[in-house]
Amino acid sequence: MKMNKTVFFVDDEKNVLNSIKRLFRNSDLDIFVFQDPFDVFKASSENNPAVVVSDYRMPEMSGVELLEKISALFPSSIRII
């Protein structure tokens, strides 16, 4: 069985997301970064995230709200705020 290595990072600050991309560029993880939490739901229809890491404060939706919705869609995913 193939292990799911998809990780979503959600943060409204582009510099943070750029740093995350650089940090994980040589890893074997499938890294997706999102500035807009609503984009996570579009991407999750094609990529089942194993882990979702979210910023706490974002203008469109709080990290808590986002992770609650992710929990309903992907109960086995690991969620980190």
C-alpha atoms as a PDB file:
ATOM      1  CA  MET A   1       0.000   0.000   0.000  1.00  0.00           C
ATOM      2  CA  LYS A   2       1.353   3.417  -0.990  1.00  0.00           C
ATOM      3  CA  MET A   3       1.794   5.859   1.878  1.00  0.00           C
ATOM      4  CA  ASN A   4       0.068   9.228   1.448  1.00  0.00           C
ATOM      5  CA  LYS A   5       2.711  11.953   1.568  1.00  0.00           C
ATOM      6  CA  THR A   6       0.501  14.932   0.744  1.00  0.00           C
ATOM      7  CA  VAL A   7       0.903  17.908   3.067  1.00  0.00           C
ATOM      8  CA  PHE A   8      -1.088  21.141   2.834  1.00  0.00           C
ATOM      9  CA  PHE A   9       0.260  24.369   4.355  1.00  0.00           C
ATOM     10  CA  VAL A  10      -2.152  27.291   4.698  1.00  0.00           C
ATOM     11  CA  ASP A  11      -0.992  30.780   5.611  1.00  0.00           C
ATOM     12  CA  ASP A  12      -2.042  34.219   4.408  1.00  0.00           C
ATOM     13  CA  GLU A  13       1.587  35.416   4.412  1.00  0.00           C
ATOM     14  CA  LYS A  14       3.352  34.662   1.135  1.00  0.00           C
ATOM     15  CA  ASN A  15       6.825  34.884   2.712  1.00  0.00           C
ATOM     16  CA  VAL A  16       5.955  32.105   5.146  1.00  0.00           C
ATOM     17  CA  LEU A  17       4.730  29.887   2.317  1.00  0.00           C
ATOM     18  CA  ASN A  18       7.853  30.589   0.257  1.00  0.00           C
ATOM     19  CA  SER A  19      10.003  29.572   3.219  1.00  0.00           C
ATOM     20  CA  ILE A  20       8.041  26.352   3.615  1.00  0.00           C
ATOM     21  CA  LYS A  21       8.494  25.526  -0.069  1.00  0.00           C
ATOM     22  CA  ARG A  22      12.248  26.079   0.228  1.00  0.00           C
ATOM     23  CA  LEU A  23      12.440  24.027   3.406  1.00  0.00           C
ATOM     24  CA  PHE A  24      10.724  21.005   1.845  1.00  0.00           C
ATOM     25  CA  ARG A  25      11.962  21.264  -1.755  1.00  0.00           C
ATOM     26  CA  ASN A  26      14.268  18.241  -1.435  1.00  0.00           C
ATOM     27  CA  SER A  27      11.863  16.078   0.542  1.00  0.00           C
ATOM     28  CA  ASP A  28       9.822  13.237  -0.876  1.00  0.00           C
ATOM     29  CA  LEU A  29       6.613  14.831   0.426  1.00  0.00           C
ATOM     30  CA  ASP A  30       3.985  16.277  -1.893  1.00  0.00           C
ATOM     31  CA  ILE A  31       3.803  19.842  -0.579  1.00  0.00           C
ATOM     32  CA  PHE A  32       0.958  22.203  -1.456  1.00  0.00           C
ATOM     33  CA  VAL A  33       0.834  25.780  -0.172  1.00  0.00           C
ATOM     34  CA  PHE A  34      -2.231  28.014  -0.044  1.00  0.00           C
ATOM     35  CA  GLN A  35      -2.675  31.678   0.791  1.00  0.00           C
ATOM     36  CA  ASP A  36      -6.450  31.431   0.599  1.00  0.00           C
ATOM     37  CA  PRO A  37      -8.059  28.764   2.809  1.00  0.00           C
ATOM     38  CA  PHE A  38     -10.881  28.294   0.295  1.00  0.00           C
ATOM     39  CA  ASP A  39      -8.356  27.061  -2.276  1.00  0.00           C
ATOM     40  CA  VAL A  40      -7.674  24.120   0.029  1.00  0.00           C
ATOM     41  CA  PHE A  41     -11.119  22.698  -0.702  1.00  0.00           C
ATOM     42  CA  LYS A  42     -10.589  22.908  -4.459  1.00  0.00           C
ATOM     43  CA  ALA A  43      -7.241  21.116  -4.194  1.00  0.00           C
ATOM     44  CA  SER A  44      -8.506  18.543  -1.712  1.00  0.00           C
ATOM     45  CA  SER A  45     -10.954  17.191  -4.291  1.00  0.00           C
ATOM     46  CA  GLU A  46      -7.907  16.004  -6.272  1.00  0.00           C
ATOM     47  CA  ASN A  47      -5.411  15.434  -3.446  1.00  0.00           C
ATOM     48  CA  ASN A  48      -6.370  13.765  -0.199  1.00  0.00           C
ATOM     49  CA  PRO A  49      -4.137  15.466   2.387  1.00  0.00           C
ATOM     50  CA  ALA A  50      -2.414  13.305   4.985  1.00  0.00           C
ATOM     51  CA  VAL A  51      -1.474  16.430   6.962  1.00  0.00           C
ATOM     52  CA  VAL A  52      -2.862  19.976   6.990  1.00  0.00           C
ATOM     53  CA  VAL A  53      -0.881  22.719   8.733  1.00  0.00           C
ATOM     54  CA  SER A  54      -2.692  26.024   9.117  1.00  0.00           C
ATOM     55  CA  ASP A  55      -1.982  29.507  10.367  1.00  0.00           C
ATOM     56  CA  TYR A  56      -4.288  30.516  13.219  1.00  0.00           C
ATOM     57  CA  ARG A  57      -5.228  34.027  12.061  1.00  0.00           C
ATOM     58  CA  MET A  58      -6.191  34.579   8.455  1.00  0.00           C
ATOM     59  CA  PRO A  59      -8.543  37.211   7.009  1.00  0.00           C
ATOM     60  CA  GLU A  60     -10.914  34.883   5.151  1.00  0.00           C
ATOM     61  CA  MET A  61     -11.297  32.070   7.684  1.00  0.00           C
ATOM     62  CA  SER A  62      -9.584  31.213  10.959  1.00  0.00           C
ATOM     63  CA  GLY A  63      -7.293  28.222  11.160  1.00  0.00           C
ATOM     64  CA  VAL A  64      -9.664  26.612  13.649  1.00  0.00           C
ATOM     65  CA  GLU A  65     -12.589  26.910  11.221  1.00  0.00           C
ATOM     66  CA  LEU A  66     -10.499  25.540   8.373  1.00  0.00           C
ATOM     67  CA  LEU A  67      -9.295  22.532  10.336  1.00  0.00           C
ATOM     68  CA  GLU A  68     -12.820  21.761  11.563  1.00  0.00           C
ATOM     69  CA  LYS A  69     -13.985  21.615   7.938  1.00  0.00           C
ATOM     70  CA  ILE A  70     -10.965  19.521   6.937  1.00  0.00           C
ATOM     71  CA  SER A  71     -11.730  17.156   9.818  1.00  0.00           C
ATOM     72  CA  ALA A  72     -15.233  16.609   8.460  1.00  0.00           C
ATOM     73  CA  LEU A  73     -13.927  15.943   4.930  1.00  0.00           C
ATOM     74  CA  PHE A  74     -10.807  13.953   5.854  1.00  0.00           C
ATOM     75  CA  PRO A  75     -11.217  12.499   9.351  1.00  0.00           C
ATOM     76  CA  SER A  76      -7.973  10.517   9.119  1.00  0.00           C
ATOM     77  CA  SER A  77      -5.851  13.559   8.240  1.00  0.00           C
ATOM     78  CA  ILE A  78      -3.517  15.030  10.823  1.00  0.00           C
ATOM     79  CA  ARG A  79      -4.371  18.658  11.513  1.00  0.00           C
ATOM     80  CA  ILE A  80      -1.938  21.155  13.031  1.00  0.00           C
ATOM     81  CA  ILE A  81      -2.534  24.794  13.837  1.00  0.00           C
END
